[in-house]
Each structure stands twice: as C-alpha cells, then as structure tokens.
N, C-alpha and C. Protein backbone atom coordinates (compact mmCIF):
# COMPACT_ATOMS: atom_id res chain seq x y z
N MET A 1 100.56 176.50 108.68
CA MET A 1 99.64 177.36 109.10
C MET A 1 99.73 178.73 109.74
N ASN A 2 99.27 179.53 109.39
CA ASN A 2 99.92 180.38 109.93
C ASN A 2 98.99 181.01 111.13
N ASN A 3 99.80 181.38 111.98
CA ASN A 3 98.46 182.06 113.63
C ASN A 3 98.48 183.56 113.65
N VAL A 4 97.90 184.51 113.62
CA VAL A 4 97.71 185.56 114.13
C VAL A 4 97.21 185.82 114.95
N ASN A 5 97.96 186.94 115.79
CA ASN A 5 97.85 187.02 116.73
C ASN A 5 97.14 188.93 116.72
N LEU A 6 95.80 189.06 117.44
CA LEU A 6 95.47 190.50 117.69
C LEU A 6 95.94 190.90 119.18
N LEU A 7 96.98 191.76 118.85
CA LEU A 7 98.03 191.90 120.51
C LEU A 7 96.90 193.10 121.63
N ASN A 8 95.93 193.81 120.74
CA ASN A 8 94.92 194.63 121.22
C ASN A 8 93.82 194.55 121.16
N GLN A 9 93.20 193.30 120.86
CA GLN A 9 91.90 192.96 120.74
C GLN A 9 90.85 193.50 121.68
N ALA A 10 91.01 193.56 123.28
CA ALA A 10 90.11 194.24 124.21
C ALA A 10 90.22 196.06 123.45
N ARG A 11 91.35 196.92 122.79
CA ARG A 11 90.62 197.65 122.53
C ARG A 11 89.78 198.08 121.63
N LEU A 12 89.86 197.15 120.41
CA LEU A 12 89.51 197.04 119.21
C LEU A 12 87.53 196.88 120.11
N GLU A 13 87.18 195.79 120.71
CA GLU A 13 85.97 195.85 121.64
C GLU A 13 85.88 196.90 121.90
N ASN A 14 86.48 197.39 122.82
CA ASN A 14 86.17 199.12 123.77
C ASN A 14 85.97 200.26 122.61
N ASP A 15 86.27 200.11 121.34
CA ASP A 15 85.95 201.05 120.89
C ASP A 15 84.77 201.15 120.17
N LEU A 16 84.52 199.64 119.31
CA LEU A 16 82.95 199.56 119.01
C LEU A 16 82.07 198.86 120.16
N GLU A 17 82.11 198.83 120.99
CA GLU A 17 81.11 198.98 122.09
C GLU A 17 80.86 200.31 122.77
N SER A 18 81.99 201.08 122.59
CA SER A 18 81.63 202.83 122.64
C SER A 18 80.44 203.27 121.63
N LEU A 19 80.56 202.60 119.96
CA LEU A 19 79.73 203.00 119.20
C LEU A 19 78.42 202.67 118.93
N GLY A 20 78.84 201.28 119.95
CA GLY A 20 77.29 200.39 120.27
C GLY A 20 77.43 199.49 119.38
N CYS A 21 78.04 199.08 118.47
CA CYS A 21 78.36 197.83 117.68
C CYS A 21 78.86 196.99 117.77
N LEU A 22 79.19 196.07 118.95
CA LEU A 22 80.24 195.51 119.56
C LEU A 22 79.94 194.02 118.97
N ASP A 23 79.03 193.90 118.33
CA ASP A 23 78.77 192.67 117.03
C ASP A 23 79.56 192.95 115.95
N ALA A 24 79.89 193.83 115.58
CA ALA A 24 80.73 193.94 114.58
C ALA A 24 82.45 193.16 114.99
N ALA A 25 82.52 193.18 115.86
CA ALA A 25 84.18 192.76 116.19
C ALA A 25 84.50 191.71 115.45
N GLU A 26 83.79 190.41 115.84
CA GLU A 26 84.28 189.18 115.07
C GLU A 26 84.33 189.31 113.35
N GLU A 27 83.51 189.99 112.50
CA GLU A 27 83.31 190.36 111.17
C GLU A 27 84.77 190.55 111.18
N LEU A 28 84.80 192.28 111.98
CA LEU A 28 86.03 192.49 111.15
C LEU A 28 87.82 192.10 111.69
N ILE A 29 87.90 191.24 112.79
CA ILE A 29 88.69 190.35 112.90
C ILE A 29 88.93 189.08 112.15
N GLU A 30 87.84 188.44 111.44
CA GLU A 30 87.53 187.38 110.50
C GLU A 30 88.64 188.01 109.16
N LYS A 31 88.40 189.38 108.68
CA LYS A 31 88.25 190.06 107.67
C LYS A 31 89.98 190.38 107.80
N MET A 32 90.23 190.80 109.01
CA MET A 32 91.77 190.96 108.78
C MET A 32 92.32 189.96 109.14
N ILE A 33 92.56 188.86 109.72
CA ILE A 33 92.95 187.87 109.27
C ILE A 33 92.95 187.00 107.81
N GLU A 34 92.01 187.56 107.34
CA GLU A 34 91.86 186.64 105.92
C GLU A 34 92.98 187.32 105.01
N HIS A 35 92.94 189.06 105.14
CA HIS A 35 94.16 189.91 104.77
C HIS A 35 95.96 189.44 105.21
N VAL A 36 95.80 188.93 106.64
CA VAL A 36 97.50 189.25 107.47
C VAL A 36 97.41 187.75 107.25
N PHE A 37 97.04 186.77 106.64
CA PHE A 37 97.49 185.27 105.94
C PHE A 37 98.39 185.79 104.73
N TYR A 38 97.71 186.61 103.99
CA TYR A 38 98.63 186.47 103.16
C TYR A 38 100.01 187.57 102.64
N ILE A 39 99.93 188.34 103.47
CA ILE A 39 101.17 189.49 103.59
C ILE A 39 102.44 188.53 104.57
N ASP A 40 103.55 189.02 103.71
CA ASP A 40 105.04 188.29 104.28
C ASP A 40 105.31 189.60 105.12
N VAL A 41 104.87 191.07 104.65
CA VAL A 41 105.94 192.01 105.30
C VAL A 41 105.58 192.96 105.89
N ALA A 42 105.82 193.89 107.18
CA ALA A 42 104.89 194.28 107.99
C ALA A 42 104.12 195.97 106.86
N GLU A 43 102.72 195.68 107.11
CA GLU A 43 102.23 196.53 106.44
C GLU A 43 100.59 196.91 106.99
N ARG A 44 100.23 198.37 106.74
CA ARG A 44 98.92 198.83 107.06
C ARG A 44 97.74 198.15 106.55
N ILE A 45 96.67 197.49 107.23
CA ILE A 45 95.44 197.20 106.40
C ILE A 45 94.44 197.76 107.02
N ILE A 46 93.68 197.53 106.00
CA ILE A 46 92.01 198.27 106.30
C ILE A 46 91.12 197.73 105.92
N VAL A 47 90.22 196.98 106.52
CA VAL A 47 89.17 196.15 106.14
C VAL A 47 87.68 196.90 106.82
N GLN A 48 86.33 196.38 106.13
CA GLN A 48 85.36 197.42 106.76
C GLN A 48 84.27 195.93 106.89
N THR A 49 83.00 196.54 107.37
CA THR A 49 82.06 195.80 107.38
C THR A 49 80.69 196.41 107.69
N LEU A 50 79.56 196.68 107.26
CA LEU A 50 77.97 197.35 107.56
C LEU A 50 77.46 196.75 108.98
N THR A 51 77.03 197.48 109.37
CA THR A 51 76.44 197.62 110.59
C THR A 51 75.44 198.74 110.81
N VAL A 52 74.33 198.32 112.01
CA VAL A 52 73.69 199.77 112.45
C VAL A 52 74.33 199.99 113.73
N ILE A 53 74.16 201.31 113.49
CA ILE A 53 74.65 202.14 114.49
C ILE A 53 73.49 203.03 115.07
N ASN A 54 73.09 203.19 116.34
CA ASN A 54 71.63 204.29 116.61
C ASN A 54 70.45 204.00 115.57
N ASN A 55 70.32 202.63 114.98
CA ASN A 55 68.96 202.13 113.98
C ASN A 55 69.54 203.02 112.74
N VAL A 56 70.53 203.25 112.22
CA VAL A 56 71.41 203.66 110.74
C VAL A 56 72.42 203.17 110.91
N ASN A 57 72.12 202.40 109.23
CA ASN A 57 73.54 202.14 108.54
C ASN A 57 74.24 202.36 108.54
N ALA A 58 75.77 201.71 109.25
CA ALA A 58 76.82 202.63 108.73
C ALA A 58 77.99 201.34 108.58
N LYS A 59 78.88 201.94 107.85
CA LYS A 59 80.15 201.45 107.32
C LYS A 59 81.21 201.19 108.56
N ILE A 60 81.59 201.02 109.62
CA ILE A 60 82.88 200.44 109.98
C ILE A 60 84.52 200.39 109.30
N GLN A 61 85.01 201.09 109.41
CA GLN A 61 86.57 200.91 108.73
C GLN A 61 87.44 200.37 110.17
N ALA A 62 88.23 199.45 110.10
CA ALA A 62 89.37 199.81 111.35
C ALA A 62 90.17 199.10 110.35
N THR A 63 91.31 199.66 111.14
CA THR A 63 92.75 199.72 110.47
C THR A 63 93.77 198.84 111.66
N PHE A 64 94.87 197.95 111.04
CA PHE A 64 95.34 196.90 111.65
C PHE A 64 96.76 197.52 110.94
N ASN A 65 97.84 197.39 112.05
CA ASN A 65 99.02 197.41 111.38
C ASN A 65 99.89 195.93 111.74
N VAL A 66 100.10 195.36 110.39
CA VAL A 66 100.68 193.87 110.99
C VAL A 66 102.17 194.27 111.35
N LEU A 67 102.68 193.54 112.01
CA LEU A 67 104.20 194.10 112.38
C LEU A 67 105.07 192.98 111.99
N GLU A 68 106.25 194.02 112.06
CA GLU A 68 107.44 192.92 111.39
C GLU A 68 107.94 192.01 112.57
N LYS A 69 108.40 190.65 111.20
CA LYS A 69 108.52 189.42 112.34
C LYS A 69 109.40 189.83 112.90
N GLU A 70 109.66 188.85 114.19
CA GLU A 70 110.57 189.05 114.70
C GLU A 70 111.60 188.13 114.60
N ASP A 71 110.45 186.56 114.91
CA ASP A 71 111.35 184.91 114.70
C ASP A 71 110.67 184.81 113.60
N THR A 72 111.66 184.85 112.58
CA THR A 72 111.78 184.23 111.21
C THR A 72 110.97 182.78 111.51
N GLU A 73 111.65 182.20 112.63
CA GLU A 73 111.32 180.42 112.28
C GLU A 73 110.13 180.10 112.78
N THR A 74 108.87 181.00 112.89
CA THR A 74 107.35 180.54 113.20
C THR A 74 106.72 181.28 111.63
N ASP A 75 105.39 180.88 111.40
CA ASP A 75 104.76 181.47 110.54
C ASP A 75 103.65 182.76 111.58
N GLU A 76 103.97 182.98 112.58
CA GLU A 76 103.02 183.57 113.64
C GLU A 76 103.40 185.16 113.36
N LYS A 77 102.44 185.64 113.12
CA LYS A 77 101.74 187.38 112.82
C LYS A 77 101.64 187.89 113.90
N ASN A 78 101.97 189.32 114.46
CA ASN A 78 101.40 189.59 115.25
C ASN A 78 100.75 190.81 114.27
N VAL A 79 99.25 191.38 114.83
CA VAL A 79 98.54 192.41 114.59
C VAL A 79 98.28 193.50 115.41
N GLU A 80 98.14 194.79 115.23
CA GLU A 80 97.91 195.66 116.11
C GLU A 80 96.71 196.42 115.65
N PHE A 81 95.70 196.17 116.42
CA PHE A 81 94.93 197.32 115.99
C PHE A 81 95.19 198.47 116.25
N GLU A 82 94.63 199.74 115.20
CA GLU A 82 95.12 200.99 115.05
C GLU A 82 94.26 202.05 115.42
N GLY A 83 92.70 201.92 114.76
CA GLY A 83 92.10 202.74 115.11
C GLY A 83 90.48 202.04 114.38
N ILE A 84 89.38 203.51 114.31
CA ILE A 84 88.15 202.70 113.53
C ILE A 84 87.81 204.21 112.99
N SER A 85 86.98 204.21 112.17
CA SER A 85 86.59 204.99 111.80
C SER A 85 84.72 204.70 111.27
N TYR A 86 83.86 205.22 111.59
CA TYR A 86 82.54 205.00 110.33
C TYR A 86 81.94 205.84 110.12
N SER A 87 81.20 205.83 108.79
CA SER A 87 80.20 206.67 108.06
C SER A 87 78.79 206.16 108.06
N GLU A 88 77.80 206.83 107.86
CA GLU A 88 76.53 206.74 107.88
C GLU A 88 76.60 207.01 106.28
C-alpha cells in the first residue's frame, strides 16, 4: 500500500483558513491522495472542490507537487502543497 506524505499540510490549512473555508482541506487532501496513488514519477497535480466563501459558492483549486522519490525501496510518496486559487 502506498503512503502519501503531505509535507506542508499546515500551509494548506492556513491558506484555506484565510479564505474562510478550512473545511475544504480534508476533501482536497483526499482528492490529492487519490491522484497521487496512481503516479509513479514527479508531477504537478491540481485538484478542485466546491465550497462556500462569504456565503457565495466558490470553486477552490489546490496545486500540489509530487516530489521525485529519493528511496526506491519504499512506496512512500512525498507531496508539497504549492498554492490555491478560487473563483466564484
């Protein structure tokens, strides 16, 4: 079974909290893990979810960077959160 490590989860949560939609973090992380599970090489991925920001429906997009594997002996994958964007 693959293990996915989000190296800077606190930054993702902080960015979402500043927008007032911290509750979207869990769904974005779950979607990221689903995508990363099938990736064997370093790659940038974007996942999105719908949420409400200031009583307005919004689409949140989070960009993650799957890092190159340093240890080929394990199935562990390291991922860095790069940033978020949103549109109403």
